């Protein structure tokens, strides 16, 4: 569970950095 949550946070941060994350 800890690894899955950390992977999800890293994925969301990477997508946001690329401009593909959730929009405000």
PDBML (XML) file of the C-alpha atoms, coordinates in Angstrom:
<?xml version="1.0" encoding="UTF-8" ?>
<PDBx:datablock datablockName="MODEL"
   xmlns:PDBx="http://pdbml.pdb.org/schema/pdbx-v50.xsd"
   xmlns:xsi="http://www.w3.org/2001/XMLSchema-instance"
   xsi:schemaLocation="http://pdbml.pdb.org/schema/pdbx-v50.xsd pdbx-v50.xsd">
   <PDBx:atom_siteCategory>
      <PDBx:atom_site id="1">
         <PDBx:B_iso_or_equiv>0.00</PDBx:B_iso_or_equiv>
         <PDBx:Cartn_x>0.000</PDBx:Cartn_x>
         <PDBx:Cartn_y>0.000</PDBx:Cartn_y>
         <PDBx:Cartn_z>0.000</PDBx:Cartn_z>
         <PDBx:auth_asym_id>A</PDBx:auth_asym_id>
         <PDBx:auth_atom_id>CA</PDBx:auth_atom_id>
         <PDBx:auth_comp_id>UNK</PDBx:auth_comp_id>
         <PDBx:auth_seq_id>1</PDBx:auth_seq_id>
         <PDBx:group_PDB>ATOM</PDBx:group_PDB>
         <PDBx:label_alt_id xsi:nil="true" />
         <PDBx:label_asym_id>A</PDBx:label_asym_id>
         <PDBx:label_atom_id>CA</PDBx:label_atom_id>
         <PDBx:label_comp_id>UNK</PDBx:label_comp_id>
         <PDBx:label_entity_id>1</PDBx:label_entity_id>
         <PDBx:label_seq_id>1</PDBx:label_seq_id>
         <PDBx:occupancy>1.00</PDBx:occupancy>
         <PDBx:pdbx_PDB_model_num>1</PDBx:pdbx_PDB_model_num>
         <PDBx:type_symbol>C</PDBx:type_symbol>
      </PDBx:atom_site>
      <PDBx:atom_site id="2">
         <PDBx:B_iso_or_equiv>0.00</PDBx:B_iso_or_equiv>
         <PDBx:Cartn_x>2.815</PDBx:Cartn_x>
         <PDBx:Cartn_y>2.421</PDBx:Cartn_y>
         <PDBx:Cartn_z>0.841</PDBx:Cartn_z>
         <PDBx:auth_asym_id>A</PDBx:auth_asym_id>
         <PDBx:auth_atom_id>CA</PDBx:auth_atom_id>
         <PDBx:auth_comp_id>UNK</PDBx:auth_comp_id>
         <PDBx:auth_seq_id>2</PDBx:auth_seq_id>
         <PDBx:group_PDB>ATOM</PDBx:group_PDB>
         <PDBx:label_alt_id xsi:nil="true" />
         <PDBx:label_asym_id>A</PDBx:label_asym_id>
         <PDBx:label_atom_id>CA</PDBx:label_atom_id>
         <PDBx:label_comp_id>UNK</PDBx:label_comp_id>
         <PDBx:label_entity_id>1</PDBx:label_entity_id>
         <PDBx:label_seq_id>2</PDBx:label_seq_id>
         <PDBx:occupancy>1.00</PDBx:occupancy>
         <PDBx:pdbx_PDB_model_num>1</PDBx:pdbx_PDB_model_num>
         <PDBx:type_symbol>C</PDBx:type_symbol>
      </PDBx:atom_site>
      <PDBx:atom_site id="3">
         <PDBx:B_iso_or_equiv>0.00</PDBx:B_iso_or_equiv>
         <PDBx:Cartn_x>4.571</PDBx:Cartn_x>
         <PDBx:Cartn_y>1.742</PDBx:Cartn_y>
         <PDBx:Cartn_z>-2.455</PDBx:Cartn_z>
         <PDBx:auth_asym_id>A</PDBx:auth_asym_id>
         <PDBx:auth_atom_id>CA</PDBx:auth_atom_id>
         <PDBx:auth_comp_id>UNK</PDBx:auth_comp_id>
         <PDBx:auth_seq_id>3</PDBx:auth_seq_id>
         <PDBx:group_PDB>ATOM</PDBx:group_PDB>
         <PDBx:label_alt_id xsi:nil="true" />
         <PDBx:label_asym_id>A</PDBx:label_asym_id>
         <PDBx:label_atom_id>CA</PDBx:label_atom_id>
         <PDBx:label_comp_id>UNK</PDBx:label_comp_id>
         <PDBx:label_entity_id>1</PDBx:label_entity_id>
         <PDBx:label_seq_id>3</PDBx:label_seq_id>
         <PDBx:occupancy>1.00</PDBx:occupancy>
         <PDBx:pdbx_PDB_model_num>1</PDBx:pdbx_PDB_model_num>
         <PDBx:type_symbol>C</PDBx:type_symbol>
      </PDBx:atom_site>
      <PDBx:atom_site id="4">
         <PDBx:B_iso_or_equiv>0.00</PDBx:B_iso_or_equiv>
         <PDBx:Cartn_x>1.351</PDBx:Cartn_x>
         <PDBx:Cartn_y>2.073</PDBx:Cartn_y>
         <PDBx:Cartn_z>-4.434</PDBx:Cartn_z>
         <PDBx:auth_asym_id>A</PDBx:auth_asym_id>
         <PDBx:auth_atom_id>CA</PDBx:auth_atom_id>
         <PDBx:auth_comp_id>UNK</PDBx:auth_comp_id>
         <PDBx:auth_seq_id>4</PDBx:auth_seq_id>
         <PDBx:group_PDB>ATOM</PDBx:group_PDB>
         <PDBx:label_alt_id xsi:nil="true" />
         <PDBx:label_asym_id>A</PDBx:label_asym_id>
         <PDBx:label_atom_id>CA</PDBx:label_atom_id>
         <PDBx:label_comp_id>UNK</PDBx:label_comp_id>
         <PDBx:label_entity_id>1</PDBx:label_entity_id>
         <PDBx:label_seq_id>4</PDBx:label_seq_id>
         <PDBx:occupancy>1.00</PDBx:occupancy>
         <PDBx:pdbx_PDB_model_num>1</PDBx:pdbx_PDB_model_num>
         <PDBx:type_symbol>C</PDBx:type_symbol>
      </PDBx:atom_site>
      <PDBx:atom_site id="5">
         <PDBx:B_iso_or_equiv>0.00</PDBx:B_iso_or_equiv>
         <PDBx:Cartn_x>0.488</PDBx:Cartn_x>
         <PDBx:Cartn_y>5.427</PDBx:Cartn_y>
         <PDBx:Cartn_z>-2.839</PDBx:Cartn_z>
         <PDBx:auth_asym_id>A</PDBx:auth_asym_id>
         <PDBx:auth_atom_id>CA</PDBx:auth_atom_id>
         <PDBx:auth_comp_id>UNK</PDBx:auth_comp_id>
         <PDBx:auth_seq_id>5</PDBx:auth_seq_id>
         <PDBx:group_PDB>ATOM</PDBx:group_PDB>
         <PDBx:label_alt_id xsi:nil="true" />
         <PDBx:label_asym_id>A</PDBx:label_asym_id>
         <PDBx:label_atom_id>CA</PDBx:label_atom_id>
         <PDBx:label_comp_id>UNK</PDBx:label_comp_id>
         <PDBx:label_entity_id>1</PDBx:label_entity_id>
         <PDBx:label_seq_id>5</PDBx:label_seq_id>
         <PDBx:occupancy>1.00</PDBx:occupancy>
         <PDBx:pdbx_PDB_model_num>1</PDBx:pdbx_PDB_model_num>
         <PDBx:type_symbol>C</PDBx:type_symbol>
      </PDBx:atom_site>
      <PDBx:atom_site id="6">
         <PDBx:B_iso_or_equiv>0.00</PDBx:B_iso_or_equiv>
         <PDBx:Cartn_x>3.976</PDBx:Cartn_x>
         <PDBx:Cartn_y>6.791</PDBx:Cartn_y>
         <PDBx:Cartn_z>-3.365</PDBx:Cartn_z>
         <PDBx:auth_asym_id>A</PDBx:auth_asym_id>
         <PDBx:auth_atom_id>CA</PDBx:auth_atom_id>
         <PDBx:auth_comp_id>UNK</PDBx:auth_comp_id>
         <PDBx:auth_seq_id>6</PDBx:auth_seq_id>
         <PDBx:group_PDB>ATOM</PDBx:group_PDB>
         <PDBx:label_alt_id xsi:nil="true" />
         <PDBx:label_asym_id>A</PDBx:label_asym_id>
         <PDBx:label_atom_id>CA</PDBx:label_atom_id>
         <PDBx:label_comp_id>UNK</PDBx:label_comp_id>
         <PDBx:label_entity_id>1</PDBx:label_entity_id>
         <PDBx:label_seq_id>6</PDBx:label_seq_id>
         <PDBx:occupancy>1.00</PDBx:occupancy>
         <PDBx:pdbx_PDB_model_num>1</PDBx:pdbx_PDB_model_num>
         <PDBx:type_symbol>C</PDBx:type_symbol>
      </PDBx:atom_site>
      <PDBx:atom_site id="7">
         <PDBx:B_iso_or_equiv>0.00</PDBx:B_iso_or_equiv>
         <PDBx:Cartn_x>3.894</PDBx:Cartn_x>
         <PDBx:Cartn_y>5.686</PDBx:Cartn_y>
         <PDBx:Cartn_z>-7.000</PDBx:Cartn_z>
         <PDBx:auth_asym_id>A</PDBx:auth_asym_id>
         <PDBx:auth_atom_id>CA</PDBx:auth_atom_id>
         <PDBx:auth_comp_id>UNK</PDBx:auth_comp_id>
         <PDBx:auth_seq_id>7</PDBx:auth_seq_id>
         <PDBx:group_PDB>ATOM</PDBx:group_PDB>
         <PDBx:label_alt_id xsi:nil="true" />
         <PDBx:label_asym_id>A</PDBx:label_asym_id>
         <PDBx:label_atom_id>CA</PDBx:label_atom_id>
         <PDBx:label_comp_id>UNK</PDBx:label_comp_id>
         <PDBx:label_entity_id>1</PDBx:label_entity_id>
         <PDBx:label_seq_id>7</PDBx:label_seq_id>
         <PDBx:occupancy>1.00</PDBx:occupancy>
         <PDBx:pdbx_PDB_model_num>1</PDBx:pdbx_PDB_model_num>
         <PDBx:type_symbol>C</PDBx:type_symbol>
      </PDBx:atom_site>
      <PDBx:atom_site id="8">
         <PDBx:B_iso_or_equiv>0.00</PDBx:B_iso_or_equiv>
         <PDBx:Cartn_x>0.538</PDBx:Cartn_x>
         <PDBx:Cartn_y>7.418</PDBx:Cartn_y>
         <PDBx:Cartn_z>-7.474</PDBx:Cartn_z>
         <PDBx:auth_asym_id>A</PDBx:auth_asym_id>
         <PDBx:auth_atom_id>CA</PDBx:auth_atom_id>
         <PDBx:auth_comp_id>UNK</PDBx:auth_comp_id>
         <PDBx:auth_seq_id>8</PDBx:auth_seq_id>
         <PDBx:group_PDB>ATOM</PDBx:group_PDB>
         <PDBx:label_alt_id xsi:nil="true" />
         <PDBx:label_asym_id>A</PDBx:label_asym_id>
         <PDBx:label_atom_id>CA</PDBx:label_atom_id>
         <PDBx:label_comp_id>UNK</PDBx:label_comp_id>
         <PDBx:label_entity_id>1</PDBx:label_entity_id>
         <PDBx:label_seq_id>8</PDBx:label_seq_id>
         <PDBx:occupancy>1.00</PDBx:occupancy>
         <PDBx:pdbx_PDB_model_num>1</PDBx:pdbx_PDB_model_num>
         <PDBx:type_symbol>C</PDBx:type_symbol>
      </PDBx:atom_site>
      <PDBx:atom_site id="9">
         <PDBx:B_iso_or_equiv>0.00</PDBx:B_iso_or_equiv>
         <PDBx:Cartn_x>1.884</PDBx:Cartn_x>
         <PDBx:Cartn_y>10.669</PDBx:Cartn_y>
         <PDBx:Cartn_z>-5.994</PDBx:Cartn_z>
         <PDBx:auth_asym_id>A</PDBx:auth_asym_id>
         <PDBx:auth_atom_id>CA</PDBx:auth_atom_id>
         <PDBx:auth_comp_id>UNK</PDBx:auth_comp_id>
         <PDBx:auth_seq_id>9</PDBx:auth_seq_id>
         <PDBx:group_PDB>ATOM</PDBx:group_PDB>
         <PDBx:label_alt_id xsi:nil="true" />
         <PDBx:label_asym_id>A</PDBx:label_asym_id>
         <PDBx:label_atom_id>CA</PDBx:label_atom_id>
         <PDBx:label_comp_id>UNK</PDBx:label_comp_id>
         <PDBx:label_entity_id>1</PDBx:label_entity_id>
         <PDBx:label_seq_id>9</PDBx:label_seq_id>
         <PDBx:occupancy>1.00</PDBx:occupancy>
         <PDBx:pdbx_PDB_model_num>1</PDBx:pdbx_PDB_model_num>
         <PDBx:type_symbol>C</PDBx:type_symbol>
      </PDBx:atom_site>
      <PDBx:atom_site id="10">
         <PDBx:B_iso_or_equiv>0.00</PDBx:B_iso_or_equiv>
         <PDBx:Cartn_x>4.991</PDBx:Cartn_x>
         <PDBx:Cartn_y>10.498</PDBx:Cartn_y>
         <PDBx:Cartn_z>-8.177</PDBx:Cartn_z>
         <PDBx:auth_asym_id>A</PDBx:auth_asym_id>
         <PDBx:auth_atom_id>CA</PDBx:auth_atom_id>
         <PDBx:auth_comp_id>UNK</PDBx:auth_comp_id>
         <PDBx:auth_seq_id>10</PDBx:auth_seq_id>
         <PDBx:group_PDB>ATOM</PDBx:group_PDB>
         <PDBx:label_alt_id xsi:nil="true" />
         <PDBx:label_asym_id>A</PDBx:label_asym_id>
         <PDBx:label_atom_id>CA</PDBx:label_atom_id>
         <PDBx:label_comp_id>UNK</PDBx:label_comp_id>
         <PDBx:label_entity_id>1</PDBx:label_entity_id>
         <PDBx:label_seq_id>10</PDBx:label_seq_id>
         <PDBx:occupancy>1.00</PDBx:occupancy>
         <PDBx:pdbx_PDB_model_num>1</PDBx:pdbx_PDB_model_num>
         <PDBx:type_symbol>C</PDBx:type_symbol>
      </PDBx:atom_site>
      <PDBx:atom_site id="11">
         <PDBx:B_iso_or_equiv>0.00</PDBx:B_iso_or_equiv>
         <PDBx:Cartn_x>2.894</PDBx:Cartn_x>
         <PDBx:Cartn_y>9.861</PDBx:Cartn_y>
         <PDBx:Cartn_z>-11.290</PDBx:Cartn_z>
         <PDBx:auth_asym_id>A</PDBx:auth_asym_id>
         <PDBx:auth_atom_id>CA</PDBx:auth_atom_id>
         <PDBx:auth_comp_id>UNK</PDBx:auth_comp_id>
         <PDBx:auth_seq_id>11</PDBx:auth_seq_id>
         <PDBx:group_PDB>ATOM</PDBx:group_PDB>
         <PDBx:label_alt_id xsi:nil="true" />
         <PDBx:label_asym_id>A</PDBx:label_asym_id>
         <PDBx:label_atom_id>CA</PDBx:label_atom_id>
         <PDBx:label_comp_id>UNK</PDBx:label_comp_id>
         <PDBx:label_entity_id>1</PDBx:label_entity_id>
         <PDBx:label_seq_id>11</PDBx:label_seq_id>
         <PDBx:occupancy>1.00</PDBx:occupancy>
         <PDBx:pdbx_PDB_model_num>1</PDBx:pdbx_PDB_model_num>
         <PDBx:type_symbol>C</PDBx:type_symbol>
      </PDBx:atom_site>
      <PDBx:atom_site id="12">
         <PDBx:B_iso_or_equiv>0.00</PDBx:B_iso_or_equiv>
         <PDBx:Cartn_x>0.572</PDBx:Cartn_x>
         <PDBx:Cartn_y>12.786</PDBx:Cartn_y>
         <PDBx:Cartn_z>-10.537</PDBx:Cartn_z>
         <PDBx:auth_asym_id>A</PDBx:auth_asym_id>
         <PDBx:auth_atom_id>CA</PDBx:auth_atom_id>
         <PDBx:auth_comp_id>UNK</PDBx:auth_comp_id>
         <PDBx:auth_seq_id>12</PDBx:auth_seq_id>
         <PDBx:group_PDB>ATOM</PDBx:group_PDB>
         <PDBx:label_alt_id xsi:nil="true" />
         <PDBx:label_asym_id>A</PDBx:label_asym_id>
         <PDBx:label_atom_id>CA</PDBx:label_atom_id>
         <PDBx:label_comp_id>UNK</PDBx:label_comp_id>
         <PDBx:label_entity_id>1</PDBx:label_entity_id>
         <PDBx:label_seq_id>12</PDBx:label_seq_id>
         <PDBx:occupancy>1.00</PDBx:occupancy>
         <PDBx:pdbx_PDB_model_num>1</PDBx:pdbx_PDB_model_num>
         <PDBx:type_symbol>C</PDBx:type_symbol>
      </PDBx:atom_site>
      <PDBx:atom_site id="13">
         <PDBx:B_iso_or_equiv>0.00</PDBx:B_iso_or_equiv>
         <PDBx:Cartn_x>3.522</PDBx:Cartn_x>
         <PDBx:Cartn_y>15.093</PDBx:Cartn_y>
         <PDBx:Cartn_z>-9.897</PDBx:Cartn_z>
         <PDBx:auth_asym_id>A</PDBx:auth_asym_id>
         <PDBx:auth_atom_id>CA</PDBx:auth_atom_id>
         <PDBx:auth_comp_id>UNK</PDBx:auth_comp_id>
         <PDBx:auth_seq_id>13</PDBx:auth_seq_id>
         <PDBx:group_PDB>ATOM</PDBx:group_PDB>
         <PDBx:label_alt_id xsi:nil="true" />
         <PDBx:label_asym_id>A</PDBx:label_asym_id>
         <PDBx:label_atom_id>CA</PDBx:label_atom_id>
         <PDBx:label_comp_id>UNK</PDBx:label_comp_id>
         <PDBx:label_entity_id>1</PDBx:label_entity_id>
         <PDBx:label_seq_id>13</PDBx:label_seq_id>
         <PDBx:occupancy>1.00</PDBx:occupancy>
         <PDBx:pdbx_PDB_model_num>1</PDBx:pdbx_PDB_model_num>
         <PDBx:type_symbol>C</PDBx:type_symbol>
      </PDBx:atom_site>
      <PDBx:atom_site id="14">
         <PDBx:B_iso_or_equiv>0.00</PDBx:B_iso_or_equiv>
         <PDBx:Cartn_x>5.183</PDBx:Cartn_x>
         <PDBx:Cartn_y>14.027</PDBx:Cartn_y>
         <PDBx:Cartn_z>-13.149</PDBx:Cartn_z>
         <PDBx:auth_asym_id>A</PDBx:auth_asym_id>
         <PDBx:auth_atom_id>CA</PDBx:auth_atom_id>
         <PDBx:auth_comp_id>UNK</PDBx:auth_comp_id>
         <PDBx:auth_seq_id>14</PDBx:auth_seq_id>
         <PDBx:group_PDB>ATOM</PDBx:group_PDB>
         <PDBx:label_alt_id xsi:nil="true" />
         <PDBx:label_asym_id>A</PDBx:label_asym_id>
         <PDBx:label_atom_id>CA</PDBx:label_atom_id>
         <PDBx:label_comp_id>UNK</PDBx:label_comp_id>
         <PDBx:label_entity_id>1</PDBx:label_entity_id>
         <PDBx:label_seq_id>14</PDBx:label_seq_id>
         <PDBx:occupancy>1.00</PDBx:occupancy>
         <PDBx:pdbx_PDB_model_num>1</PDBx:pdbx_PDB_model_num>
         <PDBx:type_symbol>C</PDBx:type_symbol>
      </PDBx:atom_site>
      <PDBx:atom_site id="15">
         <PDBx:B_iso_or_equiv>0.00</PDBx:B_iso_or_equiv>
         <PDBx:Cartn_x>2.023</PDBx:Cartn_x>
         <PDBx:Cartn_y>14.586</PDBx:Cartn_y>
         <PDBx:Cartn_z>-15.156</PDBx:Cartn_z>
         <PDBx:auth_asym_id>A</PDBx:auth_asym_id>
         <PDBx:auth_atom_id>CA</PDBx:auth_atom_id>
         <PDBx:auth_comp_id>UNK</PDBx:auth_comp_id>
         <PDBx:auth_seq_id>15</PDBx:auth_seq_id>
         <PDBx:group_PDB>ATOM</PDBx:group_PDB>
         <PDBx:label_alt_id xsi:nil="true" />
         <PDBx:label_asym_id>A</PDBx:label_asym_id>
         <PDBx:label_atom_id>CA</PDBx:label_atom_id>
         <PDBx:label_comp_id>UNK</PDBx:label_comp_id>
         <PDBx:label_entity_id>1</PDBx:label_entity_id>
         <PDBx:label_seq_id>15</PDBx:label_seq_id>
         <PDBx:occupancy>1.00</PDBx:occupancy>
         <PDBx:pdbx_PDB_model_num>1</PDBx:pdbx_PDB_model_num>
         <PDBx:type_symbol>C</PDBx:type_symbol>
      </PDBx:atom_site>
      <PDBx:atom_site id="16">
         <PDBx:B_iso_or_equiv>0.00</PDBx:B_iso_or_equiv>
         <PDBx:Cartn_x>1.484</PDBx:Cartn_x>
         <PDBx:Cartn_y>17.992</PDBx:Cartn_y>
         <PDBx:Cartn_z>-13.551</PDBx:Cartn_z>
         <PDBx:auth_asym_id>A</PDBx:auth_asym_id>
         <PDBx:auth_atom_id>CA</PDBx:auth_atom_id>
         <PDBx:auth_comp_id>UNK</PDBx:auth_comp_id>
         <PDBx:auth_seq_id>16</PDBx:auth_seq_id>
         <PDBx:group_PDB>ATOM</PDBx:group_PDB>
         <PDBx:label_alt_id xsi:nil="true" />
         <PDBx:label_asym_id>A</PDBx:label_asym_id>
         <PDBx:label_atom_id>CA</PDBx:label_atom_id>
         <PDBx:label_comp_id>UNK</PDBx:label_comp_id>
         <PDBx:label_entity_id>1</PDBx:label_entity_id>
         <PDBx:label_seq_id>16</PDBx:label_seq_id>
         <PDBx:occupancy>1.00</PDBx:occupancy>
         <PDBx:pdbx_PDB_model_num>1</PDBx:pdbx_PDB_model_num>
         <PDBx:type_symbol>C</PDBx:type_symbol>
      </PDBx:atom_site>
      <PDBx:atom_site id="17">
         <PDBx:B_iso_or_equiv>0.00</PDBx:B_iso_or_equiv>
         <PDBx:Cartn_x>5.073</PDBx:Cartn_x>
         <PDBx:Cartn_y>18.969</PDBx:Cartn_y>
         <PDBx:Cartn_z>-14.347</PDBx:Cartn_z>
         <PDBx:auth_asym_id>A</PDBx:auth_asym_id>
         <PDBx:auth_atom_id>CA</PDBx:auth_atom_id>
         <PDBx:auth_comp_id>UNK</PDBx:auth_comp_id>
         <PDBx:auth_seq_id>17</PDBx:auth_seq_id>
         <PDBx:group_PDB>ATOM</PDBx:group_PDB>
         <PDBx:label_alt_id xsi:nil="true" />
         <PDBx:label_asym_id>A</PDBx:label_asym_id>
         <PDBx:label_atom_id>CA</PDBx:label_atom_id>
         <PDBx:label_comp_id>UNK</PDBx:label_comp_id>
         <PDBx:label_entity_id>1</PDBx:label_entity_id>
         <PDBx:label_seq_id>17</PDBx:label_seq_id>
         <PDBx:occupancy>1.00</PDBx:occupancy>
         <PDBx:pdbx_PDB_model_num>1</PDBx:pdbx_PDB_model_num>
         <PDBx:type_symbol>C</PDBx:type_symbol>
      </PDBx:atom_site>
      <PDBx:atom_site id="18">
         <PDBx:B_iso_or_equiv>0.00</PDBx:B_iso_or_equiv>
         <PDBx:Cartn_x>4.464</PDBx:Cartn_x>
         <PDBx:Cartn_y>18.088</PDBx:Cartn_y>
         <PDBx:Cartn_z>-17.981</PDBx:Cartn_z>
         <PDBx:auth_asym_id>A</PDBx:auth_asym_id>
         <PDBx:auth_atom_id>CA</PDBx:auth_atom_id>
         <PDBx:auth_comp_id>UNK</PDBx:auth_comp_id>
         <PDBx:auth_seq_id>18</PDBx:auth_seq_id>
         <PDBx:group_PDB>ATOM</PDBx:group_PDB>
         <PDBx:label_alt_id xsi:nil="true" />
         <PDBx:label_asym_id>A</PDBx:label_asym_id>
         <PDBx:label_atom_id>CA</PDBx:label_atom_id>
         <PDBx:label_comp_id>UNK</PDBx:label_comp_id>
         <PDBx:label_entity_id>1</PDBx:label_entity_id>
         <PDBx:label_seq_id>18</PDBx:label_seq_id>
         <PDBx:occupancy>1.00</PDBx:occupancy>
         <PDBx:pdbx_PDB_model_num>1</PDBx:pdbx_PDB_model_num>
         <PDBx:type_symbol>C</PDBx:type_symbol>
      </PDBx:atom_site>
      <PDBx:atom_site id="19">
         <PDBx:B_iso_or_equiv>0.00</PDBx:B_iso_or_equiv>
         <PDBx:Cartn_x>1.223</PDBx:Cartn_x>
         <PDBx:Cartn_y>20.053</PDBx:Cartn_y>
         <PDBx:Cartn_z>-18.008</PDBx:Cartn_z>
         <PDBx:auth_asym_id>A</PDBx:auth_asym_id>
         <PDBx:auth_atom_id>CA</PDBx:auth_atom_id>
         <PDBx:auth_comp_id>UNK</PDBx:auth_comp_id>
         <PDBx:auth_seq_id>19</PDBx:auth_seq_id>
         <PDBx:group_PDB>ATOM</PDBx:group_PDB>
         <PDBx:label_alt_id xsi:nil="true" />
         <PDBx:label_asym_id>A</PDBx:label_asym_id>
         <PDBx:label_atom_id>CA</PDBx:label_atom_id>
         <PDBx:label_comp_id>UNK</PDBx:label_comp_id>
         <PDBx:label_entity_id>1</PDBx:label_entity_id>
         <PDBx:label_seq_id>19</PDBx:label_seq_id>
         <PDBx:occupancy>1.00</PDBx:occupancy>
         <PDBx:pdbx_PDB_model_num>1</PDBx:pdbx_PDB_model_num>
         <PDBx:type_symbol>C</PDBx:type_symbol>
      </PDBx:atom_site>
      <PDBx:atom_site id="20">
         <PDBx:B_iso_or_equiv>0.00</PDBx:B_iso_or_equiv>
         <PDBx:Cartn_x>-0.977</PDBx:Cartn_x>
         <PDBx:Cartn_y>16.978</PDBx:Cartn_y>
         <PDBx:Cartn_z>-18.319</PDBx:Cartn_z>
         <PDBx:auth_asym_id>A</PDBx:auth_asym_id>
         <PDBx:auth_atom_id>CA</PDBx:auth_atom_id>
         <PDBx:auth_comp_id>UNK</PDBx:auth_comp_id>
         <PDBx:auth_seq_id>20</PDBx:auth_seq_id>
         <PDBx:group_PDB>ATOM</PDBx:group_PDB>
         <PDBx:label_alt_id xsi:nil="true" />
         <PDBx:label_asym_id>A</PDBx:label_asym_id>
         <PDBx:label_atom_id>CA</PDBx:label_atom_id>
         <PDBx:label_comp_id>UNK</PDBx:label_comp_id>
         <PDBx:label_entity_id>1</PDBx:label_entity_id>
         <PDBx:label_seq_id>20</PDBx:label_seq_id>
         <PDBx:occupancy>1.00</PDBx:occupancy>
         <PDBx:pdbx_PDB_model_num>1</PDBx:pdbx_PDB_model_num>
         <PDBx:type_symbol>C</PDBx:type_symbol>
      </PDBx:atom_site>
      <PDBx:atom_site id="21">
         <PDBx:B_iso_or_equiv>0.00</PDBx:B_iso_or_equiv>
         <PDBx:Cartn_x>-2.305</PDBx:Cartn_x>
         <PDBx:Cartn_y>16.835</PDBx:Cartn_y>
         <PDBx:Cartn_z>-14.766</PDBx:Cartn_z>
         <PDBx:auth_asym_id>A</PDBx:auth_asym_id>
         <PDBx:auth_atom_id>CA</PDBx:auth_atom_id>
         <PDBx:auth_comp_id>UNK</PDBx:auth_comp_id>
         <PDBx:auth_seq_id>21</PDBx:auth_seq_id>
         <PDBx:group_PDB>ATOM</PDBx:group_PDB>
         <PDBx:label_alt_id xsi:nil="true" />
         <PDBx:label_asym_id>A</PDBx:label_asym_id>
         <PDBx:label_atom_id>CA</PDBx:label_atom_id>
         <PDBx:label_comp_id>UNK</PDBx:label_comp_id>
         <PDBx:label_entity_id>1</PDBx:label_entity_id>
         <PDBx:label_seq_id>21</PDBx:label_seq_id>
         <PDBx:occupancy>1.00</PDBx:occupancy>
         <PDBx:pdbx_PDB_model_num>1</PDBx:pdbx_PDB_model_num>
         <PDBx:type_symbol>C</PDBx:type_symbol>
      </PDBx:atom_site>
      <PDBx:atom_site id="22">
         <PDBx:B_iso_or_equiv>0.00</PDBx:B_iso_or_equiv>
         <PDBx:Cartn_x>-5.629</PDBx:Cartn_x>
         <PDBx:Cartn_y>17.998</PDBx:Cartn_y>
         <PDBx:Cartn_z>-13.413</PDBx:Cartn_z>
         <PDBx:auth_asym_id>A</PDBx:auth_asym_id>
         <PDBx:auth_atom_id>CA</PDBx:auth_atom_id>
         <PDBx:auth_comp_id>UNK</PDBx:auth_comp_id>
         <PDBx:auth_seq_id>22</PDBx:auth_seq_id>
         <PDBx:group_PDB>ATOM</PDBx:group_PDB>
         <PDBx:label_alt_id xsi:nil="true" />
         <PDBx:label_asym_id>A</PDBx:label_asym_id>
         <PDBx:label_atom_id>CA</PDBx:label_atom_id>
         <PDBx:label_comp_id>UNK</PDBx:label_comp_id>
         <PDBx:label_entity_id>1</PDBx:label_entity_id>
         <PDBx:label_seq_id>22</PDBx:label_seq_id>
         <PDBx:occupancy>1.00</PDBx:occupancy>
         <PDBx:pdbx_PDB_model_num>1</PDBx:pdbx_PDB_model_num>
         <PDBx:type_symbol>C</PDBx:type_symbol>
      </PDBx:atom_site>
      <PDBx:atom_site id="23">
         <PDBx:B_iso_or_equiv>0.00</PDBx:B_iso_or_equiv>
         <PDBx:Cartn_x>-6.668</PDBx:Cartn_x>
         <PDBx:Cartn_y>21.489</PDBx:Cartn_y>
         <PDBx:Cartn_z>-14.383</PDBx:Cartn_z>
         <PDBx:auth_asym_id>A</PDBx:auth_asym_id>
         <PDBx:auth_atom_id>CA</PDBx:auth_atom_id>
         <PDBx:auth_comp_id>UNK</PDBx:auth_comp_id>
         <PDBx:auth_seq_id>23</PDBx:auth_seq_id>
         <PDBx:group_PDB>ATOM</PDBx:group_PDB>
         <PDBx:label_alt_id xsi:nil="true" />
         <PDBx:label_asym_id>A</PDBx:label_asym_id>
         <PDBx:label_atom_id>CA</PDBx:label_atom_id>
         <PDBx:label_comp_id>UNK</PDBx:label_comp_id>
         <PDBx:label_entity_id>1</PDBx:label_entity_id>
         <PDBx:label_seq_id>23</PDBx:label_seq_id>
         <PDBx:occupancy>1.00</PDBx:occupancy>
         <PDBx:pdbx_PDB_model_num>1</PDBx:pdbx_PDB_model_num>
         <PDBx:type_symbol>C</PDBx:type_symbol>
      </PDBx:atom_site>
      <PDBx:atom_site id="24">
         <PDBx:B_iso_or_equiv>0.00</PDBx:B_iso_or_equiv>
         <PDBx:Cartn_x>-7.404</PDBx:Cartn_x>
         <PDBx:Cartn_y>24.165</PDBx:Cartn_y>
         <PDBx:Cartn_z>-11.828</PDBx:Cartn_z>
         <PDBx:auth_asym_id>A</PDBx:auth_asym_id>
         <PDBx:auth_atom_id>CA</PDBx:auth_atom_id>
         <PDBx:auth_comp_id>UNK</PDBx:auth_comp_id>
         <PDBx:auth_seq_id>24</PDBx:auth_seq_id>
         <PDBx:group_PDB>ATOM</PDBx:group_PDB>
         <PDBx:label_alt_id xsi:nil="true" />
         <PDBx:label_asym_id>A</PDBx:label_asym_id>
         <PDBx:label_atom_id>CA</PDBx:label_atom_id>
         <PDBx:label_comp_id>UNK</PDBx:label_comp_id>
         <PDBx:label_entity_id>1</PDBx:label_entity_id>
         <PDBx:label_seq_id>24</PDBx:label_seq_id>
         <PDBx:occupancy>1.00</PDBx:occupancy>
         <PDBx:pdbx_PDB_model_num>1</PDBx:pdbx_PDB_model_num>
         <PDBx:type_symbol>C</PDBx:type_symbol>
      </PDBx:atom_site>
   </PDBx:atom_siteCategory>
</PDBx:datablock>
